[in-house]
Structure formats: structure tokens, C-alpha cells
Amino acid sequence: MDKNPRKLEKKKILIAVLVGLFIVFMIPVKTTLKDGGTKVYMSMFYKVVCRHAINPEYEQELQEQGYSNKERYLTGTDVYIFPFHFFAE
């Protein structure tokens, strides 16, 4: 039994469009926060936060004692995946 070639062509076009949309939604948008240099990469399906924030305890200890044993910057990387990245921060 031969399938209708027009239906097969429509299915191929639909699959190509869906794959194209998936690729577009995977492209992240980069944002830099003004807290010392934290970078946020967010797309429709994931969010990556590369932290580089000034440590408030460092500044407070520096003012009180003139020196500090704490790290100057808070660093780290967080990865959130769909659907939880909408609720993160």
C-alpha cells in the first residue's frame, strides 16, 4: 500500500520545523549582574549561573579589624534545568 507522498512531505516539514525550534530554544541569553561579575546564561530549557559576587562578610571584617581571613569573592556555578530554572532566584 503506497502512502500519500503529500502526507510524507508534510510530516518531514513538520519535523524540520520542530527540530529548528528546539535548536533556537537551546541558544542561551547572557546577562551580567552588577554584584561583582556574576554571569547568567538562560535559555528556554536551562539556566547556568556562574557566581562571582563580592563577599559582604569580607568587607565588614575588613572595616572592623583592618584585615580579613575570608575570601573576597563568593564563587561557584549552579545549573538549573527545565522547569525548575523559572523558579531559581
PDB file of N, CA and C in Angstrom:
ATOM      1  N   MET A   1       0.837  -1.163   0.000  1.00  0.00           N
ATOM      2  CA  MET A   1       0.000   0.000   0.000  1.00  0.00           C
ATOM      3  C   MET A   1       0.896   1.245   0.000  1.00  0.00           C
ATOM      4  N   ASP A   2       0.728   2.068  -0.987  1.00  0.00           N
ATOM      5  CA  ASP A   2       1.526   3.285  -1.095  1.00  0.00           C
ATOM      6  C   ASP A   2       0.924   4.384  -0.237  1.00  0.00           C
ATOM      7  N   LYS A   3       1.819   5.077   0.466  1.00  0.00           N
ATOM      8  CA  LYS A   3       1.367   6.207   1.271  1.00  0.00           C
ATOM      9  C   LYS A   3       1.307   7.435   0.370  1.00  0.00           C
ATOM     10  N   ASN A   4       0.500   8.322   0.773  1.00  0.00           N
ATOM     11  CA  ASN A   4       0.347   9.557   0.020  1.00  0.00           C
ATOM     12  C   ASN A   4       1.633  10.375   0.143  1.00  0.00           C
ATOM     13  N   PRO A   5       2.303  10.704  -0.979  1.00  0.00           N
ATOM     14  CA  PRO A   5       3.562  11.462  -0.899  1.00  0.00           C
ATOM     15  C   PRO A   5       3.382  12.853  -0.300  1.00  0.00           C
ATOM     16  N   ARG A   6       2.208  13.412  -0.435  1.00  0.00           N
ATOM     17  CA  ARG A   6       1.966  14.737   0.126  1.00  0.00           C
ATOM     18  C   ARG A   6       1.957  14.692   1.658  1.00  0.00           C
ATOM     19  N   LYS A   7       1.416  13.634   2.254  1.00  0.00           N
ATOM     20  CA  LYS A   7       1.416  13.479   3.709  1.00  0.00           C
ATOM     21  C   LYS A   7       2.833  13.295   4.231  1.00  0.00           C
ATOM     22  N   LEU A   8       3.630  12.495   3.502  1.00  0.00           N
ATOM     23  CA  LEU A   8       5.022  12.301   3.915  1.00  0.00           C
ATOM     24  C   LEU A   8       5.797  13.615   3.874  1.00  0.00           C
ATOM     25  N   GLU A   9       5.536  14.418   2.854  1.00  0.00           N
ATOM     26  CA  GLU A   9       6.228  15.707   2.731  1.00  0.00           C
ATOM     27  C   GLU A   9       5.827  16.643   3.872  1.00  0.00           C
ATOM     28  N   LYS A  10       4.552  16.649   4.253  1.00  0.00           N
ATOM     29  CA  LYS A  10       4.094  17.485   5.359  1.00  0.00           C
ATOM     30  C   LYS A  10       4.726  17.050   6.678  1.00  0.00           C
ATOM     31  N   LYS A  11       4.857  15.739   6.875  1.00  0.00           N
ATOM     32  CA  LYS A  11       5.489  15.235   8.097  1.00  0.00           C
ATOM     33  C   LYS A  11       6.954  15.644   8.159  1.00  0.00           C
ATOM     34  N   LYS A  12       7.648  15.567   7.039  1.00  0.00           N
ATOM     35  CA  LYS A  12       9.060  15.966   7.006  1.00  0.00           C
ATOM     36  C   LYS A  12       9.211  17.448   7.314  1.00  0.00           C
ATOM     37  N   ILE A  13       8.324  18.269   6.762  1.00  0.00           N
ATOM     38  CA  ILE A  13       8.386  19.708   7.023  1.00  0.00           C
ATOM     39  C   ILE A  13       8.091  19.986   8.493  1.00  0.00           C
ATOM     40  N   LEU A  14       7.102  19.300   9.051  1.00  0.00           N
ATOM     41  CA  LEU A  14       6.764  19.476  10.465  1.00  0.00           C
ATOM     42  C   LEU A  14       7.927  19.084  11.363  1.00  0.00           C
ATOM     43  N   ILE A  15       8.572  17.973  11.074  1.00  0.00           N
ATOM     44  CA  ILE A  15       9.721  17.529  11.863  1.00  0.00           C
ATOM     45  C   ILE A  15      10.868  18.530  11.749  1.00  0.00           C
ATOM     46  N   ALA A  16      11.119  19.042  10.559  1.00  0.00           N
ATOM     47  CA  ALA A  16      12.189  20.028  10.364  1.00  0.00           C
ATOM     48  C   ALA A  16      11.906  21.311  11.147  1.00  0.00           C
ATOM     49  N   VAL A  17      10.659  21.747  11.156  1.00  0.00           N
ATOM     50  CA  VAL A  17      10.292  22.961  11.894  1.00  0.00           C
ATOM     51  C   VAL A  17      10.461  22.742  13.401  1.00  0.00           C
ATOM     52  N   LEU A  18      10.022  21.585  13.898  1.00  0.00           N
ATOM     53  CA  LEU A  18      10.155  21.298  15.327  1.00  0.00           C
ATOM     54  C   LEU A  18      11.616  21.200  15.751  1.00  0.00           C
ATOM     55  N   VAL A  19      12.460  20.571  14.945  1.00  0.00           N
ATOM     56  CA  VAL A  19      13.890  20.494  15.258  1.00  0.00           C
ATOM     57  C   VAL A  19      14.509  21.892  15.239  1.00  0.00           C
ATOM     58  N   GLY A  20      14.112  22.709  14.279  1.00  0.00           N
ATOM     59  CA  GLY A  20      14.611  24.082  14.211  1.00  0.00           C
ATOM     60  C   GLY A  20      14.221  24.894  15.436  1.00  0.00           C
ATOM     61  N   LEU A  21      12.982  24.769  15.877  1.00  0.00           N
ATOM     62  CA  LEU A  21      12.541  25.471  17.090  1.00  0.00           C
ATOM     63  C   LEU A  21      13.297  24.996  18.323  1.00  0.00           C
ATOM     64  N   PHE A  22      13.521  23.690  18.418  1.00  0.00           N
ATOM     65  CA  PHE A  22      14.272  23.151  19.547  1.00  0.00           C
ATOM     66  C   PHE A  22      15.681  23.745  19.592  1.00  0.00           C
ATOM     67  N   ILE A  23      16.329  23.834  18.439  1.00  0.00           N
ATOM     68  CA  ILE A  23      17.687  24.401  18.378  1.00  0.00           C
ATOM     69  C   ILE A  23      17.664  25.879  18.779  1.00  0.00           C
ATOM     70  N   VAL A  24      16.680  26.619  18.309  1.00  0.00           N
ATOM     71  CA  VAL A  24      16.585  28.044  18.649  1.00  0.00           C
ATOM     72  C   VAL A  24      16.360  28.223  20.150  1.00  0.00           C
ATOM     73  N   PHE A  25      15.526  27.377  20.750  1.00  0.00           N
ATOM     74  CA  PHE A  25      15.259  27.488  22.185  1.00  0.00           C
ATOM     75  C   PHE A  25      16.455  27.078  23.040  1.00  0.00           C
ATOM     76  N   MET A  26      17.422  26.382  22.483  1.00  0.00           N
ATOM     77  CA  MET A  26      18.613  25.972  23.226  1.00  0.00           C
ATOM     78  C   MET A  26      19.683  27.072  23.269  1.00  0.00           C
ATOM     79  N   ILE A  27      19.559  28.107  22.461  1.00  0.00           N
ATOM     80  CA  ILE A  27      20.537  29.194  22.427  1.00  0.00           C
ATOM     81  C   ILE A  27      20.364  30.065  23.673  1.00  0.00           C
ATOM     82  N   PRO A  28      21.419  30.213  24.495  1.00  0.00           N
ATOM     83  CA  PRO A  28      21.262  30.989  25.739  1.00  0.00           C
ATOM     84  C   PRO A  28      21.405  32.494  25.524  1.00  0.00           C
ATOM     85  N   VAL A  29      20.829  33.236  26.460  1.00  0.00           N
ATOM     86  CA  VAL A  29      20.974  34.686  26.522  1.00  0.00           C
ATOM     87  C   VAL A  29      21.857  34.975  27.727  1.00  0.00           C
ATOM     88  N   LYS A  30      22.935  35.742  27.523  1.00  0.00           N
ATOM     89  CA  LYS A  30      23.888  36.026  28.597  1.00  0.00           C
ATOM     90  C   LYS A  30      23.522  37.340  29.275  1.00  0.00           C
ATOM     91  N   THR A  31      23.530  37.326  30.611  1.00  0.00           N
ATOM     92  CA  THR A  31      23.267  38.514  31.417  1.00  0.00           C
ATOM     93  C   THR A  31      24.361  38.615  32.469  1.00  0.00           C
ATOM     94  N   THR A  32      24.882  39.818  32.691  1.00  0.00           N
ATOM     95  CA  THR A  32      25.878  40.043  33.731  1.00  0.00           C
ATOM     96  C   THR A  32      25.244  40.893  34.826  1.00  0.00           C
ATOM     97  N   LEU A  33      25.298  40.397  36.054  1.00  0.00           N
ATOM     98  CA  LEU A  33      24.731  41.122  37.189  1.00  0.00           C
ATOM     99  C   LEU A  33      25.765  42.093  37.754  1.00  0.00           C
ATOM    100  N   LYS A  34      25.292  43.132  38.399  1.00  0.00           N
ATOM    101  CA  LYS A  34      26.177  44.158  38.959  1.00  0.00           C
ATOM    102  C   LYS A  34      26.482  43.876  40.422  1.00  0.00           C
ATOM    103  N   ASP A  35      26.880  42.654  40.727  1.00  0.00           N
ATOM    104  CA  ASP A  35      27.212  42.288  42.098  1.00  0.00           C
ATOM    105  C   ASP A  35      28.671  41.856  42.217  1.00  0.00           C
ATOM    106  N   GLY A  36      29.444  42.124  41.214  1.00  0.00           N
ATOM    107  CA  GLY A  36      30.846  41.729  41.220  1.00  0.00           C
ATOM    108  C   GLY A  36      31.226  40.959  39.975  1.00  0.00           C
ATOM    109  N   GLY A  37      30.250  40.626  39.135  1.00  0.00           N
ATOM    110  CA  GLY A  37      30.550  39.963  37.883  1.00  0.00           C
ATOM    111  C   GLY A  37      29.851  38.636  37.674  1.00  0.00           C
ATOM    112  N   THR A  38      28.769  38.361  38.375  1.00  0.00           N
ATOM    113  CA  THR A  38      28.026  37.119  38.186  1.00  0.00           C
ATOM    114  C   THR A  38      27.420  37.109  36.785  1.00  0.00           C
ATOM    115  N   LYS A  39      27.596  35.979  36.086  1.00  0.00           N
ATOM    116  CA  LYS A  39      27.053  35.823  34.739  1.00  0.00           C
ATOM    117  C   LYS A  39      25.952  34.772  34.762  1.00  0.00           C
ATOM    118  N   VAL A  40      24.852  35.081  34.072  1.00  0.00           N
ATOM    119  CA  VAL A  40      23.716  34.169  33.991  1.00  0.00           C
ATOM    120  C   VAL A  40      23.476  33.853  32.519  1.00  0.00           C
ATOM    121  N   TYR A  41      23.476  32.569  32.186  1.00  0.00           N
ATOM    122  CA  TYR A  41      23.176  32.100  30.836  1.00  0.00           C
ATOM    123  C   TYR A  41      21.833  31.377  30.921  1.00  0.00           C
ATOM    124  N   MET A  42      20.824  31.892  30.202  1.00  0.00           N
ATOM    125  CA  MET A  42      19.486  31.310  30.321  1.00  0.00           C
ATOM    126  C   MET A  42      18.880  31.074  28.952  1.00  0.00           C
ATOM    127  N   SER A  43      18.338  29.881  28.773  1.00  0.00           N
ATOM    128  CA  SER A  43      17.573  29.575  27.568  1.00  0.00           C
ATOM    129  C   SER A  43      16.213  29.049  28.025  1.00  0.00           C
ATOM    130  N   MET A  44      15.434  28.556  27.096  1.00  0.00           N
ATOM    131  CA  MET A  44      14.106  28.071  27.430  1.00  0.00           C
ATOM    132  C   MET A  44      14.153  26.801  28.282  1.00  0.00           C
ATOM    133  N   PHE A  45      15.227  26.002  28.152  1.00  0.00           N
ATOM    134  CA  PHE A  45      15.280  24.702  28.809  1.00  0.00           C
ATOM    135  C   PHE A  45      16.266  24.612  29.964  1.00  0.00           C
ATOM    136  N   TYR A  46      17.134  25.600  30.152  1.00  0.00           N
ATOM    137  CA  TYR A  46      18.119  25.527  31.225  1.00  0.00           C
ATOM    138  C   TYR A  46      18.586  26.922  31.623  1.00  0.00           C
ATOM    139  N   LYS A  47      19.269  26.967  32.787  1.00  0.00           N
ATOM    140  CA  LYS A  47      19.846  28.211  33.288  1.00  0.00           C
ATOM    141  C   LYS A  47      21.149  27.859  33.988  1.00  0.00           C
ATOM    142  N   VAL A  48      22.224  28.567  33.654  1.00  0.00           N
ATOM    143  CA  VAL A  48      23.524  28.368  34.289  1.00  0.00           C
ATOM    144  C   VAL A  48      23.923  29.701  34.925  1.00  0.00           C
ATOM    145  N   VAL A  49      24.239  29.646  36.233  1.00  0.00           N
ATOM    146  CA  VAL A  49      24.649  30.846  36.967  1.00  0.00           C
ATOM    147  C   VAL A  49      26.094  30.656  37.396  1.00  0.00           C
ATOM    148  N   CYS A  50      26.996  31.495  36.878  1.00  0.00           N
ATOM    149  CA  CYS A  50      28.413  31.478  37.260  1.00  0.00           C
ATOM    150  C   CYS A  50      28.628  32.642  38.226  1.00  0.00           C
ATOM    151  N   ARG A  51      28.682  32.312  39.504  1.00  0.00           N
ATOM    152  CA  ARG A  51      28.749  33.345  40.539  1.00  0.00           C
ATOM    153  C   ARG A  51      30.163  33.910  40.688  1.00  0.00           C
ATOM    154  N   HIS A  52      30.211  35.221  40.847  1.00  0.00           N
ATOM    155  CA  HIS A  52      31.440  35.936  41.182  1.00  0.00           C
ATOM    156  C   HIS A  52      30.991  37.219  41.875  1.00  0.00           C
ATOM    157  N   ALA A  53      30.516  37.084  43.120  1.00  0.00           N
ATOM    158  CA  ALA A  53      29.945  38.197  43.860  1.00  0.00           C
ATOM    159  C   ALA A  53      30.873  38.603  44.994  1.00  0.00           C
ATOM    160  N   ILE A  54      30.830  39.867  45.347  1.00  0.00           N
ATOM    161  CA  ILE A  54      31.633  40.369  46.456  1.00  0.00           C
ATOM    162  C   ILE A  54      31.065  39.821  47.759  1.00  0.00           C
ATOM    163  N   ASN A  55      31.937  39.312  48.621  1.00  0.00           N
ATOM    164  CA  ASN A  55      31.535  38.733  49.892  1.00  0.00           C
ATOM    165  C   ASN A  55      31.293  39.860  50.899  1.00  0.00           C
ATOM    166  N   PRO A  56      30.061  40.019  51.389  1.00  0.00           N
ATOM    167  CA  PRO A  56      29.783  41.108  52.342  1.00  0.00           C
ATOM    168  C   PRO A  56      30.495  40.905  53.681  1.00  0.00           C
ATOM    169  N   GLU A  57      30.746  39.660  54.073  1.00  0.00           N
ATOM    170  CA  GLU A  57      31.464  39.401  55.328  1.00  0.00           C
ATOM    171  C   GLU A  57      32.913  39.884  55.235  1.00  0.00           C
ATOM    172  N   TYR A  58      33.514  39.785  54.056  1.00  0.00           N
ATOM    173  CA  TYR A  58      34.878  40.259  53.857  1.00  0.00           C
ATOM    174  C   TYR A  58      34.945  41.769  54.093  1.00  0.00           C
ATOM    175  N   GLU A  59      34.028  42.494  53.507  1.00  0.00           N
ATOM    176  CA  GLU A  59      34.024  43.955  53.644  1.00  0.00           C
ATOM    177  C   GLU A  59      33.773  44.368  55.090  1.00  0.00           C
ATOM    178  N   GLN A  60      32.866  43.677  55.776  1.00  0.00           N
ATOM    179  CA  GLN A  60      32.553  44.021  57.160  1.00  0.00           C
ATOM    180  C   GLN A  60      33.757  43.750  58.068  1.00  0.00           C
ATOM    181  N   GLU A  61      34.386  42.592  57.911  1.00  0.00           N
ATOM    182  CA  GLU A  61      35.540  42.240  58.732  1.00  0.00           C
ATOM    183  C   GLU A  61      36.716  43.170  58.433  1.00  0.00           C
ATOM    184  N   LEU A  62      36.849  43.574  57.199  1.00  0.00           N
ATOM    185  CA  LEU A  62      37.924  44.486  56.801  1.00  0.00           C
ATOM    186  C   LEU A  62      37.747  45.845  57.482  1.00  0.00           C
ATOM    187  N   GLN A  63      36.516  46.317  57.571  1.00  0.00           N
ATOM    188  CA  GLN A  63      36.253  47.607  58.214  1.00  0.00           C
ATOM    189  C   GLN A  63      36.466  47.532  59.726  1.00  0.00           C
ATOM    190  N   GLU A  64      36.082  46.416  60.322  1.00  0.00           N
ATOM    191  CA  GLU A  64      36.195  46.291  61.772  1.00  0.00           C
ATOM    192  C   GLU A  64      37.628  46.067  62.233  1.00  0.00           C
ATOM    193  N   GLN A  65      38.382  45.173  61.559  1.00  0.00           N
ATOM    194  CA  GLN A  65      39.697  44.770  62.035  1.00  0.00           C
ATOM    195  C   GLN A  65      40.855  45.302  61.193  1.00  0.00           C
ATOM    196  N   GLY A  66      40.562  45.764  60.011  1.00  0.00           N
ATOM    197  CA  GLY A  66      41.638  46.230  59.138  1.00  0.00           C
ATOM    198  C   GLY A  66      42.219  45.105  58.277  1.00  0.00           C
ATOM    199  N   TYR A  67      41.812  43.880  58.524  1.00  0.00           N
ATOM    200  CA  TYR A  67      42.224  42.730  57.713  1.00  0.00           C
ATOM    201  C   TYR A  67      41.099  41.706  57.742  1.00  0.00           C
ATOM    202  N   SER A  68      41.185  40.723  56.866  1.00  0.00           N
ATOM    203  CA  SER A  68      40.141  39.703  56.809  1.00  0.00           C
ATOM    204  C   SER A  68      40.741  38.359  56.411  1.00  0.00           C
ATOM    205  N   ASN A  69      40.239  37.295  57.035  1.00  0.00           N
ATOM    206  CA  ASN A  69      40.651  35.946  56.680  1.00  0.00           C
ATOM    207  C   ASN A  69      39.679  35.304  55.681  1.00  0.00           C
ATOM    208  N   LYS A  70      38.629  36.015  55.353  1.00  0.00           N
ATOM    209  CA  LYS A  70      37.609  35.470  54.456  1.00  0.00           C
ATOM    210  C   LYS A  70      37.982  35.750  52.998  1.00  0.00           C
ATOM    211  N   GLU A  71      37.355  34.983  52.102  1.00  0.00           N
ATOM    212  CA  GLU A  71      37.558  35.190  50.668  1.00  0.00           C
ATOM    213  C   GLU A  71      36.894  36.500  50.242  1.00  0.00           C
ATOM    214  N   ARG A  72      37.510  37.210  49.319  1.00  0.00           N
ATOM    215  CA  ARG A  72      36.953  38.477  48.866  1.00  0.00           C
ATOM    216  C   ARG A  72      35.710  38.274  47.995  1.00  0.00           C
ATOM    217  N   TYR A  73      35.704  37.204  47.191  1.00  0.00           N
ATOM    218  CA  TYR A  73      34.585  36.951  46.288  1.00  0.00           C
ATOM    219  C   TYR A  73      33.946  35.596  46.592  1.00  0.00           C
ATOM    220  N   LEU A  74      32.650  35.528  46.434  1.00  0.00           N
ATOM    221  CA  LEU A  74      31.924  34.269  46.511  1.00  0.00           C
ATOM    222  C   LEU A  74      31.825  33.730  45.086  1.00  0.00           C
ATOM    223  N   THR A  75      32.303  32.516  44.857  1.00  0.00           N
ATOM    224  CA  THR A  75      32.293  31.954  43.513  1.00  0.00           C
ATOM    225  C   THR A  75      31.588  30.602  43.514  1.00  0.00           C
ATOM    226  N   GLY A  76      31.191  30.179  42.342  1.00  0.00           N
ATOM    227  CA  GLY A  76      30.540  28.888  42.190  1.00  0.00           C
ATOM    228  C   GLY A  76      29.682  28.881  40.938  1.00  0.00           C
ATOM    229  N   THR A  77      29.210  27.698  40.590  1.00  0.00           N
ATOM    230  CA  THR A  77      28.372  27.541  39.410  1.00  0.00           C
ATOM    231  C   THR A  77      27.150  26.716  39.777  1.00  0.00           C
ATOM    232  N   ASP A  78      25.987  27.197  39.386  1.00  0.00           N
ATOM    233  CA  ASP A  78      24.728  26.488  39.596  1.00  0.00           C
ATOM    234  C   ASP A  78      24.101  26.211  38.239  1.00  0.00           C
ATOM    235  N   VAL A  79      23.529  25.011  38.089  1.00  0.00           N
ATOM    236  CA  VAL A  79      22.854  24.637  36.854  1.00  0.00           C
ATOM    237  C   VAL A  79      21.431  24.225  37.206  1.00  0.00           C
ATOM    238  N   TYR A  80      20.469  24.842  36.544  1.00  0.00           N
ATOM    239  CA  TYR A  80      19.064  24.525  36.739  1.00  0.00           C
ATOM    240  C   TYR A  80      18.488  24.060  35.407  1.00  0.00           C
ATOM    241  N   ILE A  81      17.663  23.001  35.435  1.00  0.00           N
ATOM    242  CA  ILE A  81      17.067  22.508  34.206  1.00  0.00           C
ATOM    243  C   ILE A  81      15.551  22.717  34.248  1.00  0.00           C
ATOM    244  N   PHE A  82      14.948  22.602  33.091  1.00  0.00           N
ATOM    245  CA  PHE A  82      13.509  22.789  32.925  1.00  0.00           C
ATOM    246  C   PHE A  82      12.751  21.842  33.824  1.00  0.00           C
ATOM    247  N   PRO A  83      11.734  22.222  34.515  1.00  0.00           N
ATOM    248  CA  PRO A  83      11.074  23.520  34.627  1.00  0.00           C
ATOM    249  C   PRO A  83      11.536  24.322  35.829  1.00  0.00           C
ATOM    250  N   PHE A  84      12.534  23.822  36.577  1.00  0.00           N
ATOM    251  CA  PHE A  84      12.934  24.450  37.835  1.00  0.00           C
ATOM    252  C   PHE A  84      13.712  25.750  37.640  1.00  0.00           C
ATOM    253  N   HIS A  85      14.249  25.989  36.455  1.00  0.00           N
ATOM    254  CA  HIS A  85      15.039  27.205  36.264  1.00  0.00           C
ATOM    255  C   HIS A  85      14.175  28.465  36.279  1.00  0.00           C
ATOM    256  N   PHE A  86      12.868  28.336  36.083  1.00  0.00           N
ATOM    257  CA  PHE A  86      11.985  29.501  36.155  1.00  0.00           C
ATOM    258  C   PHE A  86      11.842  29.994  37.593  1.00  0.00           C
ATOM    259  N   PHE A  87      11.997  29.103  38.574  1.00  0.00           N
ATOM    260  CA  PHE A  87      11.794  29.450  39.973  1.00  0.00           C
ATOM    261  C   PHE A  87      13.089  29.807  40.690  1.00  0.00           C
ATOM    262  N   ALA A  88      14.245  29.579  40.072  1.00  0.00           N
ATOM    263  CA  ALA A  88      15.532  29.824  40.705  1.00  0.00           C
ATOM    264  C   ALA A  88      15.825  31.327  40.696  1.00  0.00           C
ATOM    265  N   GLU A  89      16.084  31.844  41.838  1.00  0.00           N
ATOM    266  CA  GLU A  89      16.457  33.247  42.064  1.00  0.00           C
ATOM    267  C   GLU A  89      15.437  34.146  41.447  1.00  0.00           C
TER     268      GLU A  89
END
